[in-house]
Amino acid sequence: MDAHGNELGRAVAESSFHHFSDYNWDTSRGAPPFVTEPEGTGIKTEPRALAEIHRYVRNLAFGLASPLPAARSAGCKPEGGRVQ
């Protein structure tokens, strides 16, 4: 809440949006036209990497979402954490 009584939202500062794009999660789907780099192999050679990305995005979503009483009572929580 700011000095004027406005409820303030949450934000995430991320240096590169590409971490959240489908191309990085499944390179077999092809790259968007603006991508000029060759396809990476990290997700294919390190299967745990995709699970870690999914966990990161899930935790971001929970962190950005407003805490809802229904979510708390239903036991919804980010992976490895708690709903406050």
C-alpha atoms as a PDB file:
ATOM      1  CA  MET A   1       0.000   0.000   0.000  1.00  0.00           C
ATOM      2  CA  ASP A   2       1.432   3.359  -0.922  1.00  0.00           C
ATOM      3  CA  ALA A   3       1.010   6.697   0.859  1.00  0.00           C
ATOM      4  CA  HIS A   4      -2.221   7.337  -1.080  1.00  0.00           C
ATOM      5  CA  GLY A   5      -3.834   4.033  -0.125  1.00  0.00           C
ATOM      6  CA  ASN A   6      -3.240   2.377  -3.519  1.00  0.00           C
ATOM      7  CA  GLU A   7      -2.605  -1.333  -3.400  1.00  0.00           C
ATOM      8  CA  LEU A   8       0.728  -1.949  -5.113  1.00  0.00           C
ATOM      9  CA  GLY A   9       1.362  -4.914  -7.365  1.00  0.00           C
ATOM     10  CA  ARG A  10       4.315  -7.230  -7.639  1.00  0.00           C
ATOM     11  CA  ALA A  11       6.971  -7.382 -10.343  1.00  0.00           C
ATOM     12  CA  VAL A  12       9.908  -9.461 -11.492  1.00  0.00           C
ATOM     13  CA  ALA A  13      12.997  -7.996 -13.145  1.00  0.00           C
ATOM     14  CA  GLU A  14      14.373 -10.491 -15.644  1.00  0.00           C
ATOM     15  CA  SER A  15      17.284  -9.760 -17.948  1.00  0.00           C
ATOM     16  CA  SER A  16      15.979 -11.861 -20.810  1.00  0.00           C
ATOM     17  CA  PHE A  17      12.476 -12.918 -21.770  1.00  0.00           C
ATOM     18  CA  HIS A  18      13.779 -15.914 -23.714  1.00  0.00           C
ATOM     19  CA  HIS A  19      13.916 -18.027 -20.566  1.00  0.00           C
ATOM     20  CA  PHE A  20      10.127 -18.059 -20.641  1.00  0.00           C
ATOM     21  CA  SER A  21       9.605 -18.776 -24.344  1.00  0.00           C
ATOM     22  CA  ASP A  22       8.469 -22.097 -25.756  1.00  0.00           C
ATOM     23  CA  TYR A  23      11.495 -22.256 -28.047  1.00  0.00           C
ATOM     24  CA  ASN A  24      13.814 -22.830 -25.112  1.00  0.00           C
ATOM     25  CA  TRP A  25      11.529 -25.445 -23.609  1.00  0.00           C
ATOM     26  CA  ASP A  26      10.999 -27.441 -26.815  1.00  0.00           C
ATOM     27  CA  THR A  27      13.440 -26.561 -29.590  1.00  0.00           C
ATOM     28  CA  SER A  28      11.867 -29.135 -31.910  1.00  0.00           C
ATOM     29  CA  ARG A  29       9.006 -26.672 -32.434  1.00  0.00           C
ATOM     30  CA  GLY A  30      11.332 -24.306 -34.281  1.00  0.00           C
ATOM     31  CA  ALA A  31      12.602 -20.855 -33.464  1.00  0.00           C
ATOM     32  CA  PRO A  32      10.767 -17.573 -33.924  1.00  0.00           C
ATOM     33  CA  PRO A  33      11.918 -15.648 -37.017  1.00  0.00           C
ATOM     34  CA  PHE A  34      14.022 -13.166 -35.002  1.00  0.00           C
ATOM     35  CA  VAL A  35      16.225 -15.922 -33.489  1.00  0.00           C
ATOM     36  CA  THR A  36      19.477 -16.231 -35.411  1.00  0.00           C
ATOM     37  CA  GLU A  37      21.530 -18.385 -33.037  1.00  0.00           C
ATOM     38  CA  PRO A  38      21.797 -22.135 -33.639  1.00  0.00           C
ATOM     39  CA  GLU A  39      19.524 -24.416 -31.612  1.00  0.00           C
ATOM     40  CA  GLY A  40      20.851 -25.250 -28.173  1.00  0.00           C
ATOM     41  CA  THR A  41      21.040 -28.762 -26.754  1.00  0.00           C
ATOM     42  CA  GLY A  42      20.853 -28.095 -23.002  1.00  0.00           C
ATOM     43  CA  ILE A  43      17.276 -29.292 -22.521  1.00  0.00           C
ATOM     44  CA  LYS A  44      17.916 -32.435 -24.581  1.00  0.00           C
ATOM     45  CA  THR A  45      21.184 -33.348 -22.873  1.00  0.00           C
ATOM     46  CA  GLU A  46      20.157 -32.338 -19.324  1.00  0.00           C
ATOM     47  CA  PRO A  47      16.548 -33.478 -18.716  1.00  0.00           C
ATOM     48  CA  ARG A  48      16.563 -32.013 -15.187  1.00  0.00           C
ATOM     49  CA  ALA A  49      17.037 -28.545 -16.672  1.00  0.00           C
ATOM     50  CA  LEU A  50      13.466 -28.443 -17.987  1.00  0.00           C
ATOM     51  CA  ALA A  51      12.090 -29.538 -14.612  1.00  0.00           C
ATOM     52  CA  GLU A  52      14.103 -26.747 -12.973  1.00  0.00           C
ATOM     53  CA  ILE A  53      12.721 -24.186 -15.437  1.00  0.00           C
ATOM     54  CA  HIS A  54       9.178 -25.393 -14.736  1.00  0.00           C
ATOM     55  CA  ARG A  55       9.786 -25.081 -10.983  1.00  0.00           C
ATOM     56  CA  TYR A  56      11.210 -21.570 -11.417  1.00  0.00           C
ATOM     57  CA  VAL A  57       8.220 -20.415 -13.492  1.00  0.00           C
ATOM     58  CA  ARG A  58       5.744 -22.014 -11.078  1.00  0.00           C
ATOM     59  CA  ASN A  59       7.383 -20.252  -8.133  1.00  0.00           C
ATOM     60  CA  LEU A  60       7.371 -16.957 -10.056  1.00  0.00           C
ATOM     61  CA  ALA A  61       3.649 -17.344 -10.732  1.00  0.00           C
ATOM     62  CA  PHE A  62       2.928 -18.001  -7.072  1.00  0.00           C
ATOM     63  CA  GLY A  63       5.129 -15.092  -6.040  1.00  0.00           C
ATOM     64  CA  LEU A  64       3.394 -12.678  -8.412  1.00  0.00           C
ATOM     65  CA  ALA A  65      -0.122 -13.840  -7.641  1.00  0.00           C
ATOM     66  CA  SER A  66      -2.025 -12.191  -4.854  1.00  0.00           C
ATOM     67  CA  PRO A  67      -2.389 -14.525  -1.901  1.00  0.00           C
ATOM     68  CA  LEU A  68      -5.972 -15.747  -2.071  1.00  0.00           C
ATOM     69  CA  PRO A  69      -7.697 -17.138   1.014  1.00  0.00           C
ATOM     70  CA  ALA A  70      -9.146 -19.972  -1.118  1.00  0.00           C
ATOM     71  CA  ALA A  71      -5.657 -20.979  -2.303  1.00  0.00           C
ATOM     72  CA  ARG A  72      -4.324 -20.999   1.247  1.00  0.00           C
ATOM     73  CA  SER A  73      -7.205 -23.085   2.552  1.00  0.00           C
ATOM     74  CA  ALA A  74      -6.871 -25.513  -0.367  1.00  0.00           C
ATOM     75  CA  GLY A  75      -3.218 -26.032   0.518  1.00  0.00           C
ATOM     76  CA  CYS A  76      -1.889 -24.579  -2.748  1.00  0.00           C
ATOM     77  CA  LYS A  77       1.715 -23.592  -2.411  1.00  0.00           C
ATOM     78  CA  PRO A  78       4.791 -23.064  -4.539  1.00  0.00           C
ATOM     79  CA  GLU A  79       7.111 -25.999  -4.881  1.00  0.00           C
ATOM     80  CA  GLY A  80       9.517 -26.042  -1.976  1.00  0.00           C
ATOM     81  CA  GLY A  81       7.743 -23.230  -0.182  1.00  0.00           C
ATOM     82  CA  ARG A  82       4.641 -22.052   1.607  1.00  0.00           C
ATOM     83  CA  VAL A  83       1.815 -19.722   0.827  1.00  0.00           C
ATOM     84  CA  GLN A  84       2.206 -16.779   3.209  1.00  0.00           C
END
